[in-house]
Amino acid sequence: MEYIAVLLPSVCLAVLFYFVIKAIFNVDRSEREAMARAEEMQDAEDARVAESREKKNDDQEIDPRA
């Protein structure tokens, strides 16, 4: 019984440490996925804006007197 009383606090702290680290890694993974999705959306928006600018510039006439 003495062994259990001696080892129980260490085992409890090890289990607690495991769950805390696991939670930190899960949050980090979720944040990385969210950032990747946000970057993809931003890249798509930037490409759309650049395409519309190019199309707008192509549609404009060039003034030969300028």
N, C-alpha and C. Protein backbone atom coordinates (compact mmCIF):
# COMPACT_ATOMS: atom_id res chain seq x y z
N MET A 1 0.82 -1.20 0.00
CA MET A 1 0.00 0.00 0.00
C MET A 1 0.87 1.27 0.00
N GLU A 2 2.04 1.17 0.59
CA GLU A 2 2.94 2.33 0.61
C GLU A 2 3.35 2.72 -0.81
N TYR A 3 3.55 1.71 -1.65
CA TYR A 3 4.00 1.99 -3.01
C TYR A 3 2.95 2.78 -3.79
N ILE A 4 1.71 2.45 -3.57
CA ILE A 4 0.64 3.17 -4.27
C ILE A 4 0.59 4.61 -3.79
N ALA A 5 0.71 4.83 -2.51
CA ALA A 5 0.68 6.19 -1.96
C ALA A 5 1.86 7.01 -2.46
N VAL A 6 2.96 6.37 -2.72
CA VAL A 6 4.15 7.09 -3.19
C VAL A 6 4.05 7.36 -4.69
N LEU A 7 3.58 6.43 -5.47
CA LEU A 7 3.55 6.55 -6.92
C LEU A 7 2.30 7.27 -7.45
N LEU A 8 1.23 7.28 -6.70
CA LEU A 8 -0.03 7.86 -7.19
C LEU A 8 0.09 9.33 -7.60
N PRO A 9 0.73 10.20 -6.81
CA PRO A 9 0.84 11.60 -7.26
C PRO A 9 1.61 11.74 -8.58
N SER A 10 2.67 10.98 -8.73
CA SER A 10 3.46 11.06 -9.98
C SER A 10 2.64 10.54 -11.16
N VAL A 11 1.93 9.47 -10.98
CA VAL A 11 1.11 8.91 -12.05
C VAL A 11 0.00 9.90 -12.42
N CYS A 12 -0.63 10.51 -11.44
CA CYS A 12 -1.69 11.48 -11.71
C CYS A 12 -1.15 12.69 -12.48
N LEU A 13 0.02 13.17 -12.09
CA LEU A 13 0.62 14.29 -12.81
C LEU A 13 1.01 13.89 -14.23
N ALA A 14 1.49 12.69 -14.42
CA ALA A 14 1.84 12.23 -15.76
C ALA A 14 0.60 12.15 -16.65
N VAL A 15 -0.50 11.66 -16.11
CA VAL A 15 -1.75 11.57 -16.89
C VAL A 15 -2.25 12.97 -17.22
N LEU A 16 -2.22 13.86 -16.25
CA LEU A 16 -2.64 15.24 -16.48
C LEU A 16 -1.77 15.90 -17.54
N PHE A 17 -0.47 15.71 -17.45
CA PHE A 17 0.47 16.27 -18.42
C PHE A 17 0.15 15.74 -19.82
N TYR A 18 -0.13 14.46 -19.93
CA TYR A 18 -0.45 13.85 -21.22
C TYR A 18 -1.68 14.53 -21.84
N PHE A 19 -2.74 14.71 -21.07
CA PHE A 19 -3.95 15.31 -21.62
C PHE A 19 -3.76 16.79 -21.97
N VAL A 20 -2.96 17.49 -21.19
CA VAL A 20 -2.70 18.90 -21.51
C VAL A 20 -1.91 19.01 -22.81
N ILE A 21 -0.88 18.23 -22.96
CA ILE A 21 -0.08 18.26 -24.19
C ILE A 21 -0.92 17.82 -25.39
N LYS A 22 -1.76 16.81 -25.22
CA LYS A 22 -2.63 16.35 -26.29
C LYS A 22 -3.57 17.47 -26.73
N ALA A 23 -4.13 18.19 -25.76
CA ALA A 23 -5.03 19.29 -26.07
C ALA A 23 -4.29 20.41 -26.82
N ILE A 24 -3.08 20.70 -26.41
CA ILE A 24 -2.29 21.74 -27.08
C ILE A 24 -2.03 21.35 -28.53
N PHE A 25 -1.65 20.10 -28.77
CA PHE A 25 -1.40 19.65 -30.14
C PHE A 25 -2.67 19.68 -30.97
N ASN A 26 -3.80 19.32 -30.40
CA ASN A 26 -5.07 19.36 -31.15
C ASN A 26 -5.43 20.79 -31.53
N VAL A 27 -5.25 21.72 -30.62
CA VAL A 27 -5.55 23.12 -30.91
C VAL A 27 -4.61 23.64 -31.98
N ASP A 28 -3.33 23.28 -31.90
CA ASP A 28 -2.36 23.72 -32.89
C ASP A 28 -2.72 23.18 -34.27
N ARG A 29 -3.11 21.91 -34.34
CA ARG A 29 -3.49 21.32 -35.62
C ARG A 29 -4.71 22.02 -36.19
N SER A 30 -5.69 22.30 -35.35
CA SER A 30 -6.90 22.98 -35.81
C SER A 30 -6.58 24.39 -36.32
N GLU A 31 -5.70 25.08 -35.62
CA GLU A 31 -5.32 26.42 -36.04
C GLU A 31 -4.59 26.40 -37.38
N ARG A 32 -3.71 25.42 -37.56
CA ARG A 32 -2.99 25.31 -38.84
C ARG A 32 -3.96 25.02 -39.98
N GLU A 33 -4.94 24.17 -39.75
CA GLU A 33 -5.94 23.88 -40.78
C GLU A 33 -6.76 25.12 -41.11
N ALA A 34 -7.15 25.87 -40.09
CA ALA A 34 -7.93 27.09 -40.31
C ALA A 34 -7.10 28.13 -41.08
N MET A 35 -5.83 28.25 -40.74
CA MET A 35 -4.96 29.19 -41.44
C MET A 35 -4.77 28.78 -42.89
N ALA A 36 -4.65 27.48 -43.15
CA ALA A 36 -4.50 27.00 -44.52
C ALA A 36 -5.75 27.32 -45.34
N ARG A 37 -6.93 27.10 -44.73
CA ARG A 37 -8.18 27.42 -45.44
C ARG A 37 -8.27 28.92 -45.71
N ALA A 38 -7.90 29.74 -44.73
CA ALA A 38 -7.96 31.19 -44.91
C ALA A 38 -6.99 31.65 -46.00
N GLU A 39 -5.80 31.07 -46.04
CA GLU A 39 -4.84 31.43 -47.07
C GLU A 39 -5.33 31.01 -48.45
N GLU A 40 -5.96 29.84 -48.56
CA GLU A 40 -6.51 29.40 -49.84
C GLU A 40 -7.60 30.35 -50.31
N MET A 41 -8.46 30.76 -49.39
CA MET A 41 -9.53 31.70 -49.75
C MET A 41 -8.94 33.04 -50.19
N GLN A 42 -7.92 33.51 -49.49
CA GLN A 42 -7.29 34.78 -49.84
C GLN A 42 -6.59 34.69 -51.19
N ASP A 43 -5.91 33.58 -51.44
CA ASP A 43 -5.25 33.40 -52.74
C ASP A 43 -6.27 33.37 -53.88
N ALA A 44 -7.39 32.71 -53.66
CA ALA A 44 -8.43 32.67 -54.68
C ALA A 44 -9.00 34.06 -54.92
N GLU A 45 -9.20 34.82 -53.86
CA GLU A 45 -9.72 36.19 -54.00
C GLU A 45 -8.71 37.06 -54.73
N ASP A 46 -7.43 36.94 -54.39
CA ASP A 46 -6.40 37.72 -55.07
C ASP A 46 -6.33 37.39 -56.56
N ALA A 47 -6.44 36.11 -56.87
CA ALA A 47 -6.41 35.69 -58.28
C ALA A 47 -7.63 36.25 -59.02
N ARG A 48 -8.79 36.23 -58.38
CA ARG A 48 -9.99 36.76 -59.00
C ARG A 48 -9.87 38.25 -59.26
N VAL A 49 -9.33 38.99 -58.29
CA VAL A 49 -9.15 40.44 -58.44
C VAL A 49 -8.14 40.73 -59.54
N ALA A 50 -7.05 39.99 -59.57
CA ALA A 50 -6.04 40.20 -60.61
C ALA A 50 -6.61 39.92 -61.99
N GLU A 51 -7.42 38.87 -62.10
CA GLU A 51 -8.03 38.53 -63.38
C GLU A 51 -8.99 39.62 -63.83
N SER A 52 -9.76 40.15 -62.89
CA SER A 52 -10.71 41.20 -63.27
C SER A 52 -9.97 42.49 -63.66
N ARG A 53 -8.84 42.76 -63.02
CA ARG A 53 -8.04 43.94 -63.41
C ARG A 53 -7.47 43.76 -64.81
N GLU A 54 -6.97 42.57 -65.11
CA GLU A 54 -6.41 42.32 -66.43
C GLU A 54 -7.50 42.45 -67.50
N LYS A 55 -8.66 41.91 -67.21
CA LYS A 55 -9.77 41.99 -68.17
C LYS A 55 -10.20 43.44 -68.37
N LYS A 56 -10.22 44.19 -67.27
CA LYS A 56 -10.61 45.61 -67.37
C LYS A 56 -9.59 46.37 -68.21
N ASN A 57 -8.30 46.09 -68.01
CA ASN A 57 -7.26 46.77 -68.78
C ASN A 57 -7.31 46.36 -70.25
N ASP A 58 -7.67 45.13 -70.54
CA ASP A 58 -7.77 44.67 -71.92
C ASP A 58 -8.95 45.33 -72.63
N ASP A 59 -10.01 45.63 -71.90
CA ASP A 59 -11.21 46.21 -72.49
C ASP A 59 -11.06 47.70 -72.81
N GLN A 60 -10.10 48.36 -72.18
CA GLN A 60 -9.94 49.80 -72.40
C GLN A 60 -9.25 50.05 -73.74
N GLU A 61 -9.73 51.09 -74.42
CA GLU A 61 -9.10 51.46 -75.68
C GLU A 61 -7.88 52.31 -75.40
N ILE A 62 -6.92 52.20 -76.28
CA ILE A 62 -5.71 53.02 -76.17
C ILE A 62 -5.91 54.24 -77.06
N ASP A 63 -5.72 55.41 -76.48
CA ASP A 63 -5.89 56.67 -77.22
C ASP A 63 -4.61 56.90 -78.04
N PRO A 64 -4.72 56.93 -79.35
CA PRO A 64 -3.52 57.10 -80.17
C PRO A 64 -2.90 58.48 -80.02
N ARG A 65 -3.66 59.47 -79.54
CA ARG A 65 -3.12 60.83 -79.37
C ARG A 65 -2.33 60.98 -78.10
N ALA A 66 -2.40 60.02 -77.19
CA ALA A 66 -1.75 60.17 -75.89
C ALA A 66 -0.28 59.91 -75.94
